[in-house]
Amino acid sequence: MIAWIGRRYLARTQKDGFDLSKLSLLPDAALMPLRRDGLDPVRELGERREEEPISRIRLPLGVTVWLVSGYDEAKAVLGKNEGFSNDFTNLMGNFGASAEQNPGGLGFADPPVHTRLRKLLTPEFTMRRLGRLTPRIDAIVTDQLDAMAEVDGPVDLWRMFALPIPSLTICELLGVAYEDREDFQRLSTARFDLFGGANASLGAITESLTYLLDVVKKQRESPGDGLLGMLIKEHGHEIDDRELAGLADGLLTGGLETTASMLALGALVLLRNPDSAELVVRDQDSVNRFVEDLLRYLTVVQVAFPRFATADMDIAGVRIAKGDIVVVSLSAANRDGKLGPGMEEFDPRRAPTSHLAFGYGIHRCVGAELGRMELRAAYPALVRRFPKIRLAIDDDALSFRPTSIVYGVDSLPVLLH
């Protein structure tokens, strides 16, 4: 979001449109929370957390932006309901976004709208409701492994494993046709490309909502057994098509690109750590510990939704003024020593921590348990099916996404046998 704000500023100050070369005009601190060194946040982010867990990022925008990098401070900001707003109208007023570009859903909504929508959605994510997806997730994973086994030579684990599993799971959850999964993948990925132009991410949101409105319309006419159909059958009079499309868009965004990145980067951790591969096929407790510390260590969603101060306040001794923007670095907070010793390292045997990989407070990811289900199913199946899996290229030849809200790799070529 920091980089997006900077892009909006540059776009508004250039008569001929957005110029990528002008990104160099942004202060390095503005992009630093989205940069990594391999799988690790850059060293400067950790240093800032230790020295100044709430620090000001100076941007030429006429607004004040605060970066929160400490664990306790992050929980204080994310857990505070009064005095902060996530509503999309803040972007309309400050940065020229239009009402048509509002993605809807939970991420850019405040109570009471947020409260009402989450109340409708939460029952669909209880373990009882999600339990019906367990056989389908297992079948999806098996099908992808079967398809990989038929390929001669290197296999792109990103394209054939990491991306299809959450894509097909989301299609199953929402109750939409599988043949639409390529549109789902394209529309979800596009909004996280911060260098695609000044309006690239918002344009992708608009296109996604147009597509999903058509899906909702079809479900309204003939409700199925998926989430959209269930919401229409149980609460159809309480929610309109635009709100339904927004919820679907939020689930698409929160459940596809994020889980795909976790699957790919987690597989890379397995490839680099043979001992971890042995653990994930041992027992369920070992799998759970592996997944939990992997979520914390990787924290693929690098920053939380921006929070706009609606009143003057004090957070951990720092004065936040009305109108200030607060951005929480989840990746920095999850490496904070306050969570325990050795937080800069991945430890598959570590007891689960209260990490912030899924956020915190009222905006904590509603689909967190679904994501865990996919990861717990996929990693053991991959290792059991291909115990000799290894990288097909040199480790230092891997291409990671630079400056992306959702961190990941462009491809992950592997040899299976």
Protein backbone atom coordinates (compact mmCIF):
# COMPACT_ATOMS: atom_id res chain seq x y z
CA MET A 1 0.00 0.00 0.00
CA ILE A 2 2.92 2.34 0.67
CA ALA A 3 4.20 1.85 -2.86
CA TRP A 4 0.68 2.20 -4.25
CA ILE A 5 0.25 5.55 -2.51
CA GLY A 6 3.56 6.66 -3.99
CA ARG A 7 2.49 5.56 -7.46
CA ARG A 8 -0.75 7.53 -7.16
CA TYR A 9 1.25 10.63 -6.26
CA LEU A 10 3.63 10.22 -9.19
CA ALA A 11 0.75 9.60 -11.57
CA ARG A 12 -1.02 12.78 -10.44
CA THR A 13 2.11 14.88 -10.93
CA GLN A 14 2.96 13.68 -14.44
CA LYS A 15 0.98 15.07 -17.36
CA ASP A 16 2.02 12.24 -19.66
CA GLY A 17 1.01 9.45 -17.32
CA PHE A 18 2.90 7.13 -15.04
CA ASP A 19 6.61 6.63 -15.68
CA LEU A 20 8.23 3.59 -14.05
CA SER A 21 11.60 5.30 -14.09
CA LYS A 22 10.23 7.87 -11.65
CA LEU A 23 9.93 5.19 -8.95
CA SER A 24 13.50 6.07 -8.09
CA LEU A 25 12.13 9.41 -6.83
CA LEU A 26 10.35 7.64 -3.98
CA PRO A 27 12.35 7.42 -0.76
CA ASP A 28 13.79 3.95 -0.18
CA ALA A 29 11.94 3.73 3.13
CA ALA A 30 8.63 3.81 1.23
CA LEU A 31 9.42 0.55 -0.58
CA MET A 32 11.52 -1.09 2.12
CA PRO A 33 8.61 -2.91 3.89
CA LEU A 34 7.86 -4.74 0.63
CA ARG A 35 11.42 -5.77 -0.17
CA ARG A 36 13.11 -9.02 0.78
CA ASP A 37 16.43 -10.79 0.62
CA GLY A 38 15.31 -14.20 -0.57
CA LEU A 39 12.77 -15.38 1.97
CA ASP A 40 13.78 -12.85 4.61
CA PRO A 41 12.63 -9.25 5.05
CA VAL A 42 15.49 -6.88 4.34
CA ARG A 43 17.82 -6.18 7.25
CA GLU A 44 16.75 -2.53 7.44
CA LEU A 45 13.21 -3.54 8.39
CA GLY A 46 14.42 -5.52 11.38
CA GLU A 47 16.69 -2.67 12.43
CA ARG A 48 13.81 -0.23 12.30
CA ARG A 49 11.66 -2.57 14.39
CA GLU A 50 14.33 -2.74 17.08
CA GLU A 51 15.08 0.98 17.08
CA GLU A 52 11.67 2.51 16.39
CA PRO A 53 8.75 0.03 16.16
CA ILE A 54 6.44 2.86 15.05
CA SER A 55 8.29 5.14 12.66
CA ARG A 56 7.34 7.81 10.18
CA ILE A 57 7.75 7.26 6.46
CA ARG A 58 8.19 10.54 4.69
CA LEU A 59 6.40 10.74 1.36
CA PRO A 60 5.83 13.80 -0.85
CA LEU A 61 2.06 13.49 -0.54
CA GLY A 62 1.02 16.05 2.03
CA VAL A 63 -0.05 13.19 4.35
CA THR A 64 1.73 11.45 7.20
CA VAL A 65 2.37 7.72 6.91
CA TRP A 66 3.44 5.61 9.89
CA LEU A 67 5.08 2.19 9.59
CA VAL A 68 4.40 -0.23 12.44
CA SER A 69 6.98 -3.02 12.62
CA GLY A 70 6.87 -4.21 16.26
CA TYR A 71 4.69 -7.15 17.31
CA ASP A 72 3.01 -5.54 20.31
CA GLU A 73 2.52 -2.29 18.42
CA ALA A 74 1.03 -4.15 15.45
CA LYS A 75 -1.52 -5.88 17.69
CA ALA A 76 -2.35 -2.55 19.30
CA VAL A 77 -3.12 -0.95 15.92
CA LEU A 78 -4.90 -3.92 14.33
CA GLY A 79 -6.92 -4.63 17.45
CA LYS A 80 -8.13 -1.04 17.87
CA ASN A 81 -11.59 -0.56 16.36
CA GLU A 82 -12.37 2.99 17.44
CA GLY A 83 -10.24 5.78 16.03
CA PHE A 84 -9.23 3.91 12.87
CA SER A 85 -11.01 3.35 9.56
CA ASN A 86 -10.41 0.89 6.73
CA ASP A 87 -13.25 2.22 4.60
CA PHE A 88 -12.52 2.59 0.88
CA THR A 89 -13.80 6.16 0.88
CA ASN A 90 -10.51 7.15 2.49
CA LEU A 91 -8.73 6.24 -0.74
CA MET A 92 -11.34 8.14 -2.72
CA GLY A 93 -10.78 11.29 -0.70
CA ASN A 94 -7.00 11.13 -0.43
CA PHE A 95 -5.81 9.49 -3.62
CA GLY A 96 -8.43 9.88 -6.31
CA ALA A 97 -9.82 6.36 -6.38
CA SER A 98 -13.39 6.10 -7.70
CA ALA A 99 -16.44 4.48 -6.18
CA GLU A 100 -16.48 1.98 -9.07
CA GLN A 101 -13.07 0.73 -7.96
CA ASN A 102 -14.27 -0.15 -4.45
CA PRO A 103 -13.71 -3.91 -4.10
CA GLY A 104 -16.31 -4.21 -1.37
CA GLY A 105 -16.00 -7.18 0.95
CA LEU A 106 -14.56 -7.03 4.45
CA GLY A 107 -11.09 -5.57 3.97
CA PHE A 108 -12.18 -2.05 3.03
CA ALA A 109 -15.27 -1.87 5.27
CA ASP A 110 -15.90 -0.48 8.75
CA PRO A 111 -18.55 -1.40 11.32
CA PRO A 112 -21.50 -1.61 11.17
CA VAL A 113 -21.25 -2.72 7.51
CA HIS A 114 -18.25 -4.90 8.27
CA THR A 115 -19.99 -6.42 11.30
CA ARG A 116 -23.10 -7.32 9.32
CA LEU A 117 -21.19 -8.89 6.40
CA ARG A 118 -18.79 -10.85 8.59
CA LYS A 119 -21.71 -12.19 10.64
CA LEU A 120 -23.22 -13.56 7.43
CA LEU A 121 -19.93 -15.03 6.24
CA THR A 122 -18.43 -16.52 9.42
CA PRO A 123 -20.80 -19.52 9.72
CA GLU A 124 -19.64 -20.69 6.28
CA PHE A 125 -16.09 -20.97 7.67
CA THR A 126 -16.78 -23.08 10.74
CA MET A 127 -14.95 -26.41 10.85
CA ARG A 128 -18.27 -28.19 10.35
CA ARG A 129 -18.98 -26.36 7.10
CA LEU A 130 -15.37 -26.52 5.90
CA GLY A 131 -15.23 -30.23 6.68
CA ARG A 132 -17.20 -30.93 3.54
CA LEU A 133 -14.26 -29.61 1.51
CA THR A 134 -11.67 -32.00 3.00
CA PRO A 135 -12.26 -34.83 0.50
CA ARG A 136 -12.26 -32.35 -2.39
CA ILE A 137 -9.00 -30.74 -1.26
CA ASP A 138 -7.36 -34.17 -1.01
CA ALA A 139 -8.65 -35.07 -4.48
CA ILE A 140 -7.46 -31.76 -5.95
CA VAL A 141 -3.97 -32.29 -4.51
CA THR A 142 -3.85 -35.87 -5.81
CA ASP A 143 -4.98 -34.80 -9.28
CA GLN A 144 -2.25 -32.16 -9.48
CA LEU A 145 0.40 -34.63 -8.37
CA ASP A 146 -0.83 -37.09 -11.02
CA ALA A 147 -0.57 -34.41 -13.69
CA MET A 148 2.96 -33.53 -12.55
CA ALA A 149 4.02 -37.19 -12.71
CA GLU A 150 3.12 -37.32 -16.40
CA VAL A 151 5.53 -34.52 -17.34
CA ASP A 152 8.92 -35.43 -18.76
CA GLY A 153 11.71 -33.23 -17.46
CA PRO A 154 11.39 -30.24 -15.13
CA VAL A 155 8.02 -29.28 -13.66
CA ASP A 156 7.06 -25.74 -12.65
CA LEU A 157 5.77 -26.32 -9.14
CA TRP A 158 4.19 -22.84 -9.12
CA ARG A 159 2.09 -23.44 -12.21
CA MET A 160 1.19 -27.10 -11.70
CA PHE A 161 0.94 -27.35 -7.91
CA ALA A 162 0.87 -24.09 -5.97
CA LEU A 163 -1.61 -22.15 -8.11
CA PRO A 164 -4.17 -24.82 -9.13
CA ILE A 165 -4.77 -26.17 -5.61
CA PRO A 166 -6.19 -22.96 -4.07
CA SER A 167 -7.80 -21.98 -7.37
CA LEU A 168 -9.81 -25.17 -7.57
CA THR A 169 -10.54 -25.03 -3.83
CA ILE A 170 -11.94 -21.51 -4.12
CA CYS A 171 -14.05 -22.56 -7.10
CA GLU A 172 -15.36 -25.45 -4.99
CA LEU A 173 -16.02 -23.16 -2.03
CA LEU A 174 -17.86 -20.51 -4.00
CA GLY A 175 -19.67 -22.99 -6.20
CA VAL A 176 -18.50 -21.69 -9.59
CA ALA A 177 -17.46 -23.68 -12.63
CA TYR A 178 -13.89 -25.02 -12.78
CA GLU A 179 -13.44 -23.76 -16.32
CA ASP A 180 -13.41 -20.22 -14.91
CA ARG A 181 -10.28 -20.82 -12.83
CA GLU A 182 -7.91 -19.15 -15.30
CA ASP A 183 -9.88 -15.90 -15.00
CA PHE A 184 -9.78 -16.25 -11.24
CA GLN A 185 -5.99 -16.66 -11.28
CA ARG A 186 -5.39 -13.79 -13.69
CA LEU A 187 -7.65 -11.32 -11.91
CA SER A 188 -6.25 -12.16 -8.49
CA THR A 189 -2.60 -11.93 -9.54
CA ALA A 190 -2.97 -8.64 -11.44
CA ARG A 191 -4.00 -6.58 -8.43
CA PHE A 192 -0.77 -7.38 -6.60
CA ASP A 193 1.46 -6.05 -9.39
CA LEU A 194 2.55 -2.70 -7.96
CA PHE A 195 4.57 -1.87 -11.08
CA GLY A 196 1.81 -2.48 -13.58
CA GLY A 197 0.89 1.20 -13.87
CA ALA A 198 -0.76 3.76 -11.69
CA ASN A 199 -4.21 2.18 -11.93
CA ALA A 200 -3.25 -1.45 -12.58
CA SER A 201 -4.36 -2.87 -9.23
CA LEU A 202 -7.61 -0.90 -9.10
CA GLY A 203 -8.31 -1.76 -12.74
CA ALA A 204 -7.95 -5.45 -11.93
CA ILE A 205 -10.38 -5.03 -9.04
CA THR A 206 -12.94 -3.41 -11.34
CA GLU A 207 -12.62 -6.21 -13.89
CA SER A 208 -12.85 -8.85 -11.20
CA LEU A 209 -16.02 -7.36 -9.74
CA THR A 210 -17.67 -7.17 -13.17
CA TYR A 211 -16.92 -10.85 -13.70
CA LEU A 212 -18.09 -11.88 -10.24
CA LEU A 213 -21.32 -9.89 -10.54
CA ASP A 214 -22.20 -12.15 -13.45
CA VAL A 215 -21.38 -15.22 -11.33
CA VAL A 216 -23.60 -13.90 -8.54
CA LYS A 217 -26.42 -13.20 -10.98
CA LYS A 218 -26.35 -16.83 -12.14
CA GLN A 219 -26.31 -18.05 -8.53
CA ARG A 220 -29.22 -15.77 -7.68
CA GLU A 221 -31.23 -17.38 -10.49
CA SER A 222 -30.25 -20.91 -9.48
CA PRO A 223 -28.51 -21.14 -6.09
CA GLY A 224 -26.05 -24.00 -5.80
CA ASP A 225 -24.53 -25.74 -2.79
CA GLY A 226 -21.43 -23.55 -2.64
CA LEU A 227 -20.90 -20.54 -0.42
CA LEU A 228 -22.59 -18.06 -2.75
CA GLY A 229 -25.58 -20.32 -3.18
CA MET A 230 -25.86 -20.90 0.56
CA LEU A 231 -25.69 -17.17 1.31
CA ILE A 232 -28.40 -16.49 -1.25
CA LYS A 233 -30.64 -19.26 0.07
CA GLU A 234 -30.20 -18.32 3.74
CA HIS A 235 -29.71 -14.54 3.54
CA GLY A 236 -30.72 -13.52 0.04
CA HIS A 237 -32.99 -10.73 1.26
CA GLU A 238 -30.26 -9.30 3.51
CA ILE A 239 -27.49 -8.90 0.94
CA ASP A 240 -27.46 -7.47 -2.58
CA ASP A 241 -25.50 -8.62 -5.62
CA ARG A 242 -22.78 -5.98 -5.24
CA GLU A 243 -22.10 -7.03 -1.66
CA LEU A 244 -22.04 -10.71 -2.64
CA ALA A 245 -19.59 -9.99 -5.45
CA GLY A 246 -17.42 -8.03 -3.01
CA LEU A 247 -17.36 -10.92 -0.56
CA ALA A 248 -16.49 -13.35 -3.34
CA ASP A 249 -13.76 -11.00 -4.55
CA GLY A 250 -12.32 -10.80 -1.04
CA LEU A 251 -12.25 -14.59 -0.77
CA LEU A 252 -10.65 -14.84 -4.19
CA THR A 253 -7.98 -12.33 -3.25
CA GLY A 254 -7.41 -13.63 0.26
CA GLY A 255 -7.54 -17.31 -0.59
CA LEU A 256 -5.90 -17.73 -3.98
CA GLU A 257 -2.75 -15.69 -4.39
CA THR A 258 -1.82 -15.93 -0.73
CA THR A 259 -2.19 -19.70 -0.44
CA ALA A 260 -0.49 -20.22 -3.80
CA SER A 261 2.50 -18.19 -2.63
CA MET A 262 2.60 -20.14 0.64
CA LEU A 263 2.53 -23.45 -1.19
CA ALA A 264 5.36 -22.45 -3.51
CA LEU A 265 7.61 -20.82 -0.93
CA GLY A 266 6.86 -23.56 1.59
CA ALA A 267 7.87 -26.17 -0.97
CA LEU A 268 11.11 -24.25 -1.44
CA VAL A 269 11.73 -24.45 2.31
CA LEU A 270 11.17 -28.21 2.10
CA LEU A 271 13.62 -28.51 -0.78
CA ARG A 272 16.25 -26.61 1.20
CA ASN A 273 15.63 -28.55 4.43
CA PRO A 274 15.46 -32.33 4.02
CA ASP A 275 14.88 -32.73 7.77
CA SER A 276 11.66 -30.75 7.44
CA ALA A 277 10.53 -33.06 4.64
CA GLU A 278 10.87 -35.99 7.02
CA LEU A 279 8.80 -34.22 9.65
CA VAL A 280 5.78 -33.48 7.45
CA VAL A 281 5.21 -37.19 6.78
CA ARG A 282 5.67 -38.26 10.42
CA ASP A 283 2.37 -37.37 12.11
CA GLN A 284 -0.32 -34.70 12.20
CA ASP A 285 1.21 -32.79 15.10
CA SER A 286 4.47 -32.46 13.17
CA VAL A 287 2.58 -31.23 10.12
CA ASN A 288 0.72 -28.67 12.24
CA ARG A 289 3.93 -27.31 13.77
CA PHE A 290 5.60 -27.16 10.37
CA VAL A 291 2.70 -25.23 8.84
CA GLU A 292 2.32 -22.79 11.74
CA ASP A 293 5.95 -21.73 11.86
CA LEU A 294 6.05 -21.61 8.07
CA LEU A 295 3.10 -19.18 8.09
CA ARG A 296 4.94 -17.00 10.60
CA TYR A 297 8.35 -17.24 8.95
CA LEU A 298 7.18 -16.54 5.39
CA THR A 299 4.30 -14.11 6.12
CA VAL A 300 3.54 -13.83 2.41
CA VAL A 301 1.04 -11.00 2.99
CA GLN A 302 3.69 -8.45 3.88
CA VAL A 303 1.51 -5.54 5.04
CA ALA A 304 -2.01 -5.28 6.39
CA PHE A 305 -4.77 -3.14 4.90
CA PRO A 306 -3.95 0.54 5.54
CA ARG A 307 -5.64 2.12 8.55
CA PHE A 308 -6.73 5.76 8.49
CA ALA A 309 -6.78 7.61 11.80
CA THR A 310 -10.15 9.26 12.43
CA ALA A 311 -9.06 10.86 15.70
CA ASP A 312 -5.90 11.89 17.50
CA MET A 313 -4.49 9.04 19.58
CA ASP A 314 -1.42 7.65 21.29
CA ILE A 315 -0.05 4.23 20.32
CA ALA A 316 2.91 2.96 22.34
CA GLY A 317 3.98 6.50 23.13
CA VAL A 318 3.71 7.75 19.54
CA ARG A 319 1.22 10.49 18.73
CA ILE A 320 -0.94 9.59 15.73
CA ALA A 321 -2.93 12.53 14.38
CA LYS A 322 -6.34 12.48 12.75
CA GLY A 323 -5.85 11.93 9.00
CA ASP A 324 -2.59 10.00 9.37
CA ILE A 325 -2.19 6.68 7.55
CA VAL A 326 -0.88 3.69 9.50
CA VAL A 327 0.63 0.70 7.69
CA VAL A 328 1.43 -2.46 9.66
CA SER A 329 4.33 -4.63 8.51
CA LEU A 330 3.17 -8.17 9.27
CA SER A 331 6.46 -9.65 8.08
CA ALA A 332 8.43 -7.52 10.53
CA ALA A 333 6.07 -8.13 13.44
CA ASN A 334 6.27 -11.90 12.94
CA ARG A 335 10.07 -11.80 13.30
CA ASP A 336 9.91 -9.82 16.56
CA GLY A 337 11.75 -11.45 19.47
CA LYS A 338 8.72 -10.72 21.68
CA LEU A 339 7.12 -13.78 20.08
CA GLY A 340 9.95 -15.93 21.42
CA PRO A 341 13.61 -16.79 20.76
CA GLY A 342 14.99 -17.40 17.27
CA MET A 343 12.19 -15.68 15.37
CA GLU A 344 14.49 -14.82 12.45
CA GLU A 345 14.85 -18.56 11.76
CA PHE A 346 12.38 -21.20 10.61
CA ASP A 347 11.92 -24.01 13.13
CA PRO A 348 9.50 -26.77 12.05
CA ARG A 349 9.50 -28.15 15.60
CA ARG A 350 8.53 -24.85 17.23
CA ALA A 351 5.34 -24.81 19.29
CA PRO A 352 2.72 -22.67 17.52
CA THR A 353 2.97 -18.95 18.26
CA SER A 354 0.37 -16.19 18.18
CA HIS A 355 1.66 -14.96 14.84
CA LEU A 356 -0.01 -12.33 12.67
CA ALA A 357 0.22 -14.07 9.29
CA PHE A 358 -3.58 -13.90 9.02
CA GLY A 359 -3.80 -10.44 10.57
CA TYR A 360 -5.46 -9.60 13.87
CA GLY A 361 -8.63 -8.03 15.20
CA ILE A 362 -11.85 -7.63 13.27
CA HIS A 363 -10.02 -7.78 9.94
CA ARG A 364 -8.28 -11.09 10.66
CA CYS A 365 -8.60 -13.37 7.62
CA VAL A 366 -11.94 -15.16 7.82
CA GLY A 367 -10.58 -18.01 5.67
CA ALA A 368 -7.53 -18.73 7.85
CA GLU A 369 -8.57 -22.28 8.67
CA LEU A 370 -9.29 -23.08 5.02
CA GLY A 371 -5.77 -21.98 4.13
CA ARG A 372 -4.34 -24.17 6.86
CA MET A 373 -6.35 -27.14 5.56
CA GLU A 374 -4.84 -26.75 2.09
CA LEU A 375 -1.28 -26.44 3.39
CA ARG A 376 -1.65 -29.42 5.75
CA ALA A 377 -2.94 -31.56 2.91
CA ALA A 378 -0.54 -30.46 0.17
CA TYR A 379 2.92 -30.62 1.78
CA PRO A 380 2.79 -34.23 3.08
CA ALA A 381 1.24 -35.44 -0.18
CA LEU A 382 3.99 -33.77 -2.22
CA VAL A 383 6.80 -35.31 -0.14
CA ARG A 384 5.25 -38.78 -0.08
CA ARG A 385 4.63 -38.81 -3.82
CA PHE A 386 8.02 -37.40 -4.82
CA PRO A 387 10.55 -38.13 -2.03
CA LYS A 388 13.48 -37.28 -4.35
CA ILE A 389 12.09 -33.94 -5.54
CA ARG A 390 14.77 -31.26 -5.97
CA LEU A 391 15.32 -27.91 -7.68
CA ALA A 392 15.94 -28.07 -11.41
CA ILE A 393 17.97 -24.83 -11.39
CA ASP A 394 20.56 -23.30 -9.12
CA ASP A 395 19.04 -21.86 -5.98
CA ASP A 396 20.42 -18.40 -6.72
CA ALA A 397 18.72 -18.43 -10.14
CA LEU A 398 15.22 -18.31 -8.60
CA SER A 399 13.24 -15.18 -9.44
CA PHE A 400 11.29 -13.64 -6.57
CA ARG A 401 8.69 -10.91 -7.03
CA PRO A 402 10.15 -7.52 -6.21
CA THR A 403 8.11 -5.13 -4.10
CA SER A 404 4.87 -7.10 -3.99
CA ILE A 405 2.16 -6.97 -1.33
CA VAL A 406 1.92 -10.77 -1.56
CA TYR A 407 5.46 -12.12 -1.75
CA GLY A 408 6.23 -15.07 -4.00
CA VAL A 409 8.22 -16.57 -6.84
CA ASP A 410 7.63 -16.24 -10.58
CA SER A 411 8.30 -19.95 -11.11
CA LEU A 412 9.72 -22.93 -9.21
CA PRO A 413 11.25 -25.51 -11.60
CA VAL A 414 11.81 -28.90 -9.97
CA LEU A 415 12.86 -32.43 -10.92
CA LEU A 416 10.58 -35.05 -9.44
CA HIS A 417 12.63 -38.24 -9.71
